[in-house]
């Protein structure tokens, strides 16, 4: 997945996931408003139901690999975010 500057992935809860940062840097958005820097070469693991999100705060695109087990189709999550933010954001980052 790829995020450009000033884009974010709203914090949510879902089954366990591992993020592997491949390029760029930004901020992890965690439960209770907590944040943590996250950059290329780092790995973040989120347990089942743990709140997590991301904001790209750099000038470069942020690219990461998201691994879930079992596999998850995120299209519903992108549609839900679009309904909250407005129809212009309905497209998932991978399209």
PDB file of N, CA and C in Angstrom:
ATOM      1  N   UNK A   1       0.841  -1.155   0.000  1.00  0.00           N
ATOM      2  CA  UNK A   1       0.000   0.000   0.000  1.00  0.00           C
ATOM      3  C   UNK A   1       0.895   1.229   0.000  1.00  0.00           C
ATOM      4  N   UNK A   2       0.360   2.327  -0.489  1.00  0.00           N
ATOM      5  CA  UNK A   2       1.131   3.562  -0.596  1.00  0.00           C
ATOM      6  C   UNK A   2       0.278   4.731  -0.137  1.00  0.00           C
ATOM      7  N   UNK A   3       0.871   5.571   0.702  1.00  0.00           N
ATOM      8  CA  UNK A   3       0.208   6.781   1.176  1.00  0.00           C
ATOM      9  C   UNK A   3       1.052   7.978   0.799  1.00  0.00           C
ATOM     10  N   UNK A   4       0.431   9.022   0.290  1.00  0.00           N
ATOM     11  CA  UNK A   4       1.122  10.253  -0.040  1.00  0.00           C
ATOM     12  C   UNK A   4       1.022  11.212   1.134  1.00  0.00           C
ATOM     13  N   UNK A   5       1.795  12.285   1.111  1.00  0.00           N
ATOM     14  CA  UNK A   5       1.833  13.257   2.208  1.00  0.00           C
ATOM     15  C   UNK A   5       0.424  13.723   2.578  1.00  0.00           C
ATOM     16  N   UNK A   6       0.227  13.915   3.865  1.00  0.00           N
ATOM     17  CA  UNK A   6      -1.032  14.409   4.423  1.00  0.00           C
ATOM     18  C   UNK A   6      -2.211  13.470   4.172  1.00  0.00           C
ATOM     19  N   UNK A   7      -1.936  12.206   3.930  1.00  0.00           N
ATOM     20  CA  UNK A   7      -3.024  11.226   3.877  1.00  0.00           C
ATOM     21  C   UNK A   7      -2.886  10.326   5.091  1.00  0.00           C
ATOM     22  N   UNK A   8      -4.001   9.776   5.506  1.00  0.00           N
ATOM     23  CA  UNK A   8      -3.946   8.925   6.676  1.00  0.00           C
ATOM     24  C   UNK A   8      -4.820   7.700   6.505  1.00  0.00           C
ATOM     25  N   UNK A   9      -4.597   6.773   7.380  1.00  0.00           N
ATOM     26  CA  UNK A   9      -5.382   5.558   7.474  1.00  0.00           C
ATOM     27  C   UNK A   9      -5.988   5.621   8.863  1.00  0.00           C
ATOM     28  N   UNK A  10      -7.259   5.971   8.934  1.00  0.00           N
ATOM     29  CA  UNK A  10      -7.944   6.182  10.196  1.00  0.00           C
ATOM     30  C   UNK A  10      -7.794   4.975  11.112  1.00  0.00           C
ATOM     31  N   UNK A  11      -7.479   5.206  12.394  1.00  0.00           N
ATOM     32  CA  UNK A  11      -7.342   4.085  13.321  1.00  0.00           C
ATOM     33  C   UNK A  11      -8.600   3.220  13.356  1.00  0.00           C
ATOM     34  N   UNK A  12      -8.402   1.911  13.372  1.00  0.00           N
ATOM     35  CA  UNK A  12      -9.515   0.972  13.427  1.00  0.00           C
ATOM     36  C   UNK A  12      -9.081  -0.285  14.139  1.00  0.00           C
ATOM     37  N   UNK A  13     -10.044  -1.154  14.366  1.00  0.00           N
ATOM     38  CA  UNK A  13      -9.765  -2.454  14.989  1.00  0.00           C
ATOM     39  C   UNK A  13     -10.060  -3.535  13.950  1.00  0.00           C
ATOM     40  N   UNK A  14      -9.151  -4.495  13.830  1.00  0.00           N
ATOM     41  CA  UNK A  14      -9.391  -5.647  12.974  1.00  0.00           C
ATOM     42  C   UNK A  14      -8.512  -6.799  13.451  1.00  0.00           C
ATOM     43  N   UNK A  15      -8.605  -7.963  12.836  1.00  0.00           N
ATOM     44  CA  UNK A  15      -7.766  -9.079  13.261  1.00  0.00           C
ATOM     45  C   UNK A  15      -6.284  -8.717  13.184  1.00  0.00           C
ATOM     46  N   UNK A  16      -5.454  -9.526  13.819  1.00  0.00           N
ATOM     47  CA  UNK A  16      -4.021  -9.266  13.881  1.00  0.00           C
ATOM     48  C   UNK A  16      -3.412  -8.940  12.526  1.00  0.00           C
ATOM     49  N   UNK A  17      -2.496  -7.985  12.543  1.00  0.00           N
ATOM     50  CA  UNK A  17      -1.854  -7.540  11.311  1.00  0.00           C
ATOM     51  C   UNK A  17      -0.411  -7.144  11.603  1.00  0.00           C
ATOM     52  N   UNK A  18       0.452  -7.355  10.608  1.00  0.00           N
ATOM     53  CA  UNK A  18       1.844  -6.920  10.678  1.00  0.00           C
ATOM     54  C   UNK A  18       2.093  -5.960   9.531  1.00  0.00           C
ATOM     55  N   UNK A  19       2.677  -4.796   9.827  1.00  0.00           N
ATOM     56  CA  UNK A  19       3.041  -3.818   8.800  1.00  0.00           C
ATOM     57  C   UNK A  19       4.558  -3.795   8.686  1.00  0.00           C
ATOM     58  N   UNK A  20       5.048  -3.868   7.460  1.00  0.00           N
ATOM     59  CA  UNK A  20       6.474  -3.784   7.173  1.00  0.00           C
ATOM     60  C   UNK A  20       6.681  -2.530   6.328  1.00  0.00           C
ATOM     61  N   UNK A  21       7.368  -1.538   6.893  1.00  0.00           N
ATOM     62  CA  UNK A  21       7.593  -0.268   6.193  1.00  0.00           C
ATOM     63  C   UNK A  21       8.708  -0.447   5.165  1.00  0.00           C
ATOM     64  N   UNK A  22       8.393  -0.179   3.892  1.00  0.00           N
ATOM     65  CA  UNK A  22       9.351  -0.368   2.805  1.00  0.00           C
ATOM     66  C   UNK A  22      10.014   0.935   2.362  1.00  0.00           C
ATOM     67  N   UNK A  23       9.243   2.024   2.315  1.00  0.00           N
ATOM     68  CA  UNK A  23       9.770   3.326   1.883  1.00  0.00           C
ATOM     69  C   UNK A  23       9.062   4.435   2.648  1.00  0.00           C
ATOM     70  N   UNK A  24       9.782   5.519   2.929  1.00  0.00           N
ATOM     71  CA  UNK A  24       9.179   6.693   3.540  1.00  0.00           C
ATOM     72  C   UNK A  24       9.084   6.618   5.052  1.00  0.00           C
ATOM     73  N   UNK A  25       8.312   7.547   5.617  1.00  0.00           N
ATOM     74  CA  UNK A  25       8.165   7.644   7.069  1.00  0.00           C
ATOM     75  C   UNK A  25       6.852   8.338   7.395  1.00  0.00           C
ATOM     76  N   UNK A  26       6.421   8.161   8.627  1.00  0.00           N
ATOM     77  CA  UNK A  26       5.201   8.813   9.071  1.00  0.00           C
ATOM     78  C   UNK A  26       4.951   8.514  10.533  1.00  0.00           C
ATOM     79  N   UNK A  27       3.688   8.534  10.910  1.00  0.00           N
ATOM     80  CA  UNK A  27       3.299   8.369  12.305  1.00  0.00           C
ATOM     81  C   UNK A  27       2.243   7.288  12.443  1.00  0.00           C
ATOM     82  N   UNK A  28       2.493   6.332  13.332  1.00  0.00           N
ATOM     83  CA  UNK A  28       1.471   5.354  13.673  1.00  0.00           C
ATOM     84  C   UNK A  28       0.460   6.024  14.588  1.00  0.00           C
ATOM     85  N   UNK A  29      -0.822   5.780  14.337  1.00  0.00           N
ATOM     86  CA  UNK A  29      -1.915   6.308  15.147  1.00  0.00           C
ATOM     87  C   UNK A  29      -2.439   5.152  15.990  1.00  0.00           C
ATOM     88  N   UNK A  30      -2.324   5.277  17.302  1.00  0.00           N
ATOM     89  CA  UNK A  30      -2.626   4.171  18.200  1.00  0.00           C
ATOM     90  C   UNK A  30      -3.789   4.506  19.121  1.00  0.00           C
ATOM     91  N   UNK A  31      -4.158   3.575  19.971  1.00  0.00           N
ATOM     92  CA  UNK A  31      -5.285   3.758  20.891  1.00  0.00           C
ATOM     93  C   UNK A  31      -5.053   4.936  21.826  1.00  0.00           C
ATOM     94  N   UNK A  32      -6.136   5.545  22.248  1.00  0.00           N
ATOM     95  CA  UNK A  32      -6.119   6.651  23.210  1.00  0.00           C
ATOM     96  C   UNK A  32      -5.301   7.841  22.740  1.00  0.00           C
ATOM     97  N   UNK A  33      -5.207   8.039  21.415  1.00  0.00           N
ATOM     98  CA  UNK A  33      -4.510   9.188  20.858  1.00  0.00           C
ATOM     99  C   UNK A  33      -2.995   9.078  20.860  1.00  0.00           C
ATOM    100  N   UNK A  34      -2.461   7.925  21.243  1.00  0.00           N
ATOM    101  CA  UNK A  34      -1.010   7.742  21.246  1.00  0.00           C
ATOM    102  C   UNK A  34      -0.489   7.681  19.808  1.00  0.00           C
ATOM    103  N   UNK A  35       0.756   8.094  19.608  1.00  0.00           N
ATOM    104  CA  UNK A  35       1.405   8.039  18.303  1.00  0.00           C
ATOM    105  C   UNK A  35       2.830   7.516  18.469  1.00  0.00           C
ATOM    106  N   UNK A  36       3.410   7.070  17.346  1.00  0.00           N
ATOM    107  CA  UNK A  36       4.794   6.612  17.332  1.00  0.00           C
ATOM    108  C   UNK A  36       5.337   6.786  15.927  1.00  0.00           C
ATOM    109  N   UNK A  37       6.561   7.262  15.809  1.00  0.00           N
ATOM    110  CA  UNK A  37       7.209   7.382  14.505  1.00  0.00           C
ATOM    111  C   UNK A  37       7.361   5.991  13.896  1.00  0.00           C
ATOM    112  N   UNK A  38       7.216   5.914  12.553  1.00  0.00           N
ATOM    113  CA  UNK A  38       7.311   4.635  11.842  1.00  0.00           C
ATOM    114  C   UNK A  38       7.963   4.907  10.506  1.00  0.00           C
ATOM    115  N   UNK A  39       9.082   4.218  10.205  1.00  0.00           N
ATOM    116  CA  UNK A  39       9.824   4.511   8.978  1.00  0.00           C
ATOM    117  C   UNK A  39      10.339   3.256   8.306  1.00  0.00           C
ATOM    118  N   UNK A  40      10.821   3.430   7.072  1.00  0.00           N
ATOM    119  CA  UNK A  40      11.336   2.319   6.274  1.00  0.00           C
ATOM    120  C   UNK A  40      12.302   1.474   7.102  1.00  0.00           C
ATOM    121  N   UNK A  41      12.134   0.154   6.985  1.00  0.00           N
ATOM    122  CA  UNK A  41      12.981  -0.780   7.692  1.00  0.00           C
ATOM    123  C   UNK A  41      12.401  -1.261   9.011  1.00  0.00           C
ATOM    124  N   UNK A  42      11.310  -0.639   9.460  1.00  0.00           N
ATOM    125  CA  UNK A  42      10.694  -1.034  10.720  1.00  0.00           C
ATOM    126  C   UNK A  42       9.491  -1.945  10.489  1.00  0.00           C
ATOM    127  N   UNK A  43       9.145  -2.698  11.516  1.00  0.00           N
ATOM    128  CA  UNK A  43       8.002  -3.610  11.489  1.00  0.00           C
ATOM    129  C   UNK A  43       7.119  -3.291  12.684  1.00  0.00           C
ATOM    130  N   UNK A  44       5.808  -3.238  12.472  1.00  0.00           N
ATOM    131  CA  UNK A  44       4.849  -3.034  13.556  1.00  0.00           C
ATOM    132  C   UNK A  44       3.863  -4.193  13.545  1.00  0.00           C
ATOM    133  N   UNK A  45       3.597  -4.752  14.700  1.00  0.00           N
ATOM    134  CA  UNK A  45       2.651  -5.866  14.839  1.00  0.00           C
ATOM    135  C   UNK A  45       1.506  -5.410  15.715  1.00  0.00           C
ATOM    136  N   UNK A  46       0.286  -5.613  15.249  1.00  0.00           N
ATOM    137  CA  UNK A  46      -0.913  -5.247  15.994  1.00  0.00           C
ATOM    138  C   UNK A  46      -1.709  -6.512  16.290  1.00  0.00           C
ATOM    139  N   UNK A  47      -2.048  -6.698  17.556  1.00  0.00           N
ATOM    140  CA  UNK A  47      -2.803  -7.869  17.979  1.00  0.00           C
ATOM    141  C   UNK A  47      -4.258  -7.757  17.532  1.00  0.00           C
ATOM    142  N   UNK A  48      -4.968  -8.867  17.586  1.00  0.00           N
ATOM    143  CA  UNK A  48      -6.396  -8.878  17.247  1.00  0.00           C
ATOM    144  C   UNK A  48      -7.120  -7.782  18.018  1.00  0.00           C
ATOM    145  N   UNK A  49      -7.837  -6.925  17.307  1.00  0.00           N
ATOM    146  CA  UNK A  49      -8.636  -5.878  17.924  1.00  0.00           C
ATOM    147  C   UNK A  49      -7.876  -4.653  18.382  1.00  0.00           C
ATOM    148  N   UNK A  50      -6.550  -4.624  18.238  1.00  0.00           N
ATOM    149  CA  UNK A  50      -5.764  -3.469  18.667  1.00  0.00           C
ATOM    150  C   UNK A  50      -5.962  -2.306  17.690  1.00  0.00           C
ATOM    151  N   UNK A  51      -6.234  -1.132  18.216  1.00  0.00           N
ATOM    152  CA  UNK A  51      -6.451   0.051  17.379  1.00  0.00           C
ATOM    153  C   UNK A  51      -5.134   0.461  16.731  1.00  0.00           C
ATOM    154  N   UNK A  52      -5.195   0.738  15.430  1.00  0.00           N
ATOM    155  CA  UNK A  52      -3.996   1.193  14.715  1.00  0.00           C
ATOM    156  C   UNK A  52      -4.396   1.958  13.462  1.00  0.00           C
ATOM    157  N   UNK A  53      -3.551   2.904  13.063  1.00  0.00           N
ATOM    158  CA  UNK A  53      -3.743   3.688  11.858  1.00  0.00           C
ATOM    159  C   UNK A  53      -2.412   4.309  11.482  1.00  0.00           C
ATOM    160  N   UNK A  54      -2.404   5.135  10.447  1.00  0.00           N
ATOM    161  CA  UNK A  54      -1.149   5.716   9.972  1.00  0.00           C
ATOM    162  C   UNK A  54      -1.401   7.065   9.321  1.00  0.00           C
ATOM    163  N   UNK A  55      -0.459   7.997   9.506  1.00  0.00           N
ATOM    164  CA  UNK A  55      -0.476   9.276   8.798  1.00  0.00           C
ATOM    165  C   UNK A  55       0.887   9.503   8.174  1.00  0.00           C
ATOM    166  N   UNK A  56       0.904   9.790   6.864  1.00  0.00           N
ATOM    167  CA  UNK A  56       2.154  10.115   6.193  1.00  0.00           C
ATOM    168  C   UNK A  56       2.457  11.586   6.445  1.00  0.00           C
ATOM    169  N   UNK A  57       3.520  11.856   7.167  1.00  0.00           N
ATOM    170  CA  UNK A  57       3.911  13.227   7.487  1.00  0.00           C
ATOM    171  C   UNK A  57       5.156  13.656   6.727  1.00  0.00           C
ATOM    172  N   UNK A  58       5.615  12.832   5.797  1.00  0.00           N
ATOM    173  CA  UNK A  58       6.818  13.152   5.026  1.00  0.00           C
ATOM    174  C   UNK A  58       6.439  13.665   3.637  1.00  0.00           C
ATOM    175  N   UNK A  59       7.427  14.167   2.913  1.00  0.00           N
ATOM    176  CA  UNK A  59       7.189  14.650   1.551  1.00  0.00           C
ATOM    177  C   UNK A  59       7.174  13.517   0.531  1.00  0.00           C
ATOM    178  N   UNK A  60       7.691  12.358   0.902  1.00  0.00           N
ATOM    179  CA  UNK A  60       7.757  11.208  -0.008  1.00  0.00           C
ATOM    180  C   UNK A  60       6.577  10.273   0.247  1.00  0.00           C
ATOM    181  N   UNK A  61       6.204   9.491  -0.764  1.00  0.00           N
ATOM    182  CA  UNK A  61       5.175   8.472  -0.526  1.00  0.00           C
ATOM    183  C   UNK A  61       5.661   7.476   0.535  1.00  0.00           C
ATOM    184  N   UNK A  62       4.738   6.952   1.314  1.00  0.00           N
ATOM    185  CA  UNK A  62       5.037   5.913   2.291  1.00  0.00           C
ATOM    186  C   UNK A  62       4.499   4.607   1.716  1.00  0.00           C
ATOM    187  N   UNK A  63       5.357   3.608   1.622  1.00  0.00           N
ATOM    188  CA  UNK A  63       4.975   2.315   1.049  1.00  0.00           C
ATOM    189  C   UNK A  63       5.211   1.246   2.109  1.00  0.00           C
ATOM    190  N   UNK A  64       4.195   0.398   2.313  1.00  0.00           N
ATOM    191  CA  UNK A  64       4.359  -0.674   3.285  1.00  0.00           C
ATOM    192  C   UNK A  64       3.626  -1.926   2.835  1.00  0.00           C
ATOM    193  N   UNK A  65       4.023  -3.027   3.412  1.00  0.00           N
ATOM    194  CA  UNK A  65       3.388  -4.313   3.175  1.00  0.00           C
ATOM    195  C   UNK A  65       2.565  -4.636   4.412  1.00  0.00           C
ATOM    196  N   UNK A  66       1.306  -4.981   4.212  1.00  0.00           N
ATOM    197  CA  UNK A  66       0.421  -5.349   5.309  1.00  0.00           C
ATOM    198  C   UNK A  66       0.120  -6.840   5.204  1.00  0.00           C
ATOM    199  N   UNK A  67       0.419  -7.566   6.272  1.00  0.00           N
ATOM    200  CA  UNK A  67       0.214  -9.006   6.293  1.00  0.00           C
ATOM    201  C   UNK A  67      -0.813  -9.327   7.371  1.00  0.00           C
ATOM    202  N   UNK A  68      -1.887 -10.003   6.982  1.00  0.00           N
ATOM    203  CA  UNK A  68      -2.915 -10.405   7.937  1.00  0.00           C
ATOM    204  C   UNK A  68      -3.089 -11.913   7.894  1.00  0.00           C
ATOM    205  N   UNK A  69      -3.476 -12.460   9.018  1.00  0.00           N
ATOM    206  CA  UNK A  69      -3.745 -13.881   9.079  1.00  0.00           C
ATOM    207  C   UNK A  69      -4.909 -14.100  10.037  1.00  0.00           C
ATOM    208  N   UNK A  70      -6.039 -14.578   9.522  1.00  0.00           N
ATOM    209  CA  UNK A  70      -6.298 -14.963   8.132  1.00  0.00           C
ATOM    210  C   UNK A  70      -6.382 -13.733   7.225  1.00  0.00           C
ATOM    211  N   UNK A  71      -6.331 -13.953   5.904  1.00  0.00           N
ATOM    212  CA  UNK A  71      -6.419 -12.837   4.958  1.00  0.00           C
ATOM    213  C   UNK A  71      -7.699 -12.025   5.146  1.00  0.00           C
ATOM    214  N   UNK A  72      -7.603 -10.726   4.878  1.00  0.00           N
ATOM    215  CA  UNK A  72      -8.743  -9.818   5.035  1.00  0.00           C
ATOM    216  C   UNK A  72      -8.936  -9.024   3.749  1.00  0.00           C
ATOM    217  N   UNK A  73     -10.193  -8.841   3.349  1.00  0.00           N
ATOM    218  CA  UNK A  73     -10.535  -7.943   2.252  1.00  0.00           C
ATOM    219  C   UNK A  73     -10.904  -6.600   2.890  1.00  0.00           C
ATOM    220  N   UNK A  74     -10.103  -5.556   2.634  1.00  0.00           N
ATOM    221  CA  UNK A  74     -10.289  -4.254   3.281  1.00  0.00           C
ATOM    222  C   UNK A  74     -11.272  -3.336   2.560  1.00  0.00           C
ATOM    223  N   UNK A  75     -11.881  -3.772   1.472  1.00  0.00           N
ATOM    224  CA  UNK A  75     -12.776  -2.891   0.709  1.00  0.00           C
ATOM    225  C   UNK A  75     -13.899  -2.319   1.567  1.00  0.00           C
ATOM    226  N   UNK A  76     -14.459  -3.108   2.480  1.00  0.00           N
ATOM    227  CA  UNK A  76     -15.526  -2.598   3.348  1.00  0.00           C
ATOM    228  C   UNK A  76     -15.023  -1.467   4.236  1.00  0.00           C
ATOM    229  N   UNK A  77     -13.793  -1.588   4.737  1.00  0.00           N
ATOM    230  CA  UNK A  77     -13.216  -0.539   5.574  1.00  0.00           C
ATOM    231  C   UNK A  77     -13.039   0.760   4.818  1.00  0.00           C
ATOM    232  N   UNK A  78     -12.587   0.676   3.551  1.00  0.00           N
ATOM    233  CA  UNK A  78     -12.426   1.885   2.747  1.00  0.00           C
ATOM    234  C   UNK A  78     -13.787   2.513   2.441  1.00  0.00           C
ATOM    235  N   UNK A  79     -14.793   1.685   2.202  1.00  0.00           N
ATOM    236  CA  UNK A  79     -16.132   2.204   1.945  1.00  0.00           C
ATOM    237  C   UNK A  79     -16.694   2.880   3.191  1.00  0.00           C
ATOM    238  N   UNK A  80     -16.449   2.290   4.364  1.00  0.00           N
ATOM    239  CA  UNK A  80     -16.917   2.888   5.612  1.00  0.00           C
ATOM    240  C   UNK A  80     -16.246   4.238   5.841  1.00  0.00           C
ATOM    241  N   UNK A  81     -14.946   4.324   5.609  1.00  0.00           N
ATOM    242  CA  UNK A  81     -14.238   5.594   5.775  1.00  0.00           C
ATOM    243  C   UNK A  81     -14.794   6.622   4.801  1.00  0.00           C
ATOM    244  N   UNK A  82     -15.073   6.208   3.568  1.00  0.00           N
ATOM    245  CA  UNK A  82     -15.610   7.129   2.566  1.00  0.00           C
ATOM    246  C   UNK A  82     -16.961   7.677   2.998  1.00  0.00           C
ATOM    247  N   UNK A  83     -17.788   6.834   3.607  1.00  0.00           N
ATOM    248  CA  UNK A  83     -19.107   7.302   4.034  1.00  0.00           C
ATOM    249  C   UNK A  83     -18.989   8.320   5.166  1.00  0.00           C
ATOM    250  N   UNK A  84     -17.947   8.219   5.959  1.00  0.00           N
ATOM    251  CA  UNK A  84     -17.712   9.171   7.048  1.00  0.00           C
ATOM    252  C   UNK A  84     -17.132  10.476   6.510  1.00  0.00           C
ATOM    253  N   UNK A  85     -16.171  10.376   5.580  1.00  0.00           N
ATOM    254  CA  UNK A  85     -15.450  11.556   5.094  1.00  0.00           C
ATOM    255  C   UNK A  85     -16.046  12.188   3.850  1.00  0.00           C
ATOM    256  N   UNK A  86     -16.902  11.478   3.136  1.00  0.00           N
ATOM    257  CA  UNK A  86     -17.470  11.983   1.897  1.00  0.00           C
ATOM    258  C   UNK A  86     -17.134  11.091   0.726  1.00  0.00           C
ATOM    259  N   UNK A  87     -17.965  11.075  -0.258  1.00  0.00           N
ATOM    260  CA  UNK A  87     -17.845  10.139  -1.401  1.00  0.00           C
ATOM    261  C   UNK A  87     -16.554  10.277  -2.168  1.00  0.00           C
ATOM    262  N   UNK A  88     -15.886  11.421  -2.146  1.00  0.00           N
ATOM    263  CA  UNK A  88     -14.675  11.605  -2.945  1.00  0.00           C
ATOM    264  C   UNK A  88     -13.512  10.745  -2.452  1.00  0.00           C
ATOM    265  N   UNK A  89     -13.612  10.140  -1.259  1.00  0.00           N
ATOM    266  CA  UNK A  89     -12.534   9.314  -0.738  1.00  0.00           C
ATOM    267  C   UNK A  89     -12.840   7.833  -0.821  1.00  0.00           C
ATOM    268  N   UNK A  90     -13.795   7.451  -1.634  1.00  0.00           N
ATOM    269  CA  UNK A  90     -14.264   6.063  -1.672  1.00  0.00           C
ATOM    270  C   UNK A  90     -13.235   5.089  -2.201  1.00  0.00           C
ATOM    271  N   UNK A  91     -12.226   5.547  -2.902  1.00  0.00           N
ATOM    272  CA  UNK A  91     -11.264   4.654  -3.526  1.00  0.00           C
ATOM    273  C   UNK A  91     -10.231   4.174  -2.522  1.00  0.00           C
ATOM    274  N   UNK A  92      -9.928   2.876  -2.525  1.00  0.00           N
ATOM    275  CA  UNK A  92      -8.895   2.357  -1.658  1.00  0.00           C
ATOM    276  C   UNK A  92      -7.531   2.762  -2.220  1.00  0.00           C
ATOM    277  N   UNK A  93      -6.479   2.818  -1.366  1.00  0.00           N
ATOM    278  CA  UNK A  93      -5.151   3.232  -1.838  1.00  0.00           C
ATOM    279  C   UNK A  93      -4.580   2.353  -2.929  1.00  0.00           C
ATOM    280  N   UNK A  94      -5.033   1.114  -3.042  1.00  0.00           N
ATOM    281  CA  UNK A  94      -4.442   0.209  -4.035  1.00  0.00           C
ATOM    282  C   UNK A  94      -5.089   0.317  -5.408  1.00  0.00           C
ATOM    283  N   UNK A  95      -6.110   1.123  -5.561  1.00  0.00           N
ATOM    284  CA  UNK A  95      -6.798   1.203  -6.861  1.00  0.00           C
ATOM    285  C   UNK A  95      -6.299   2.364  -7.668  1.00  0.00           C
TER     286      UNK A  95
END
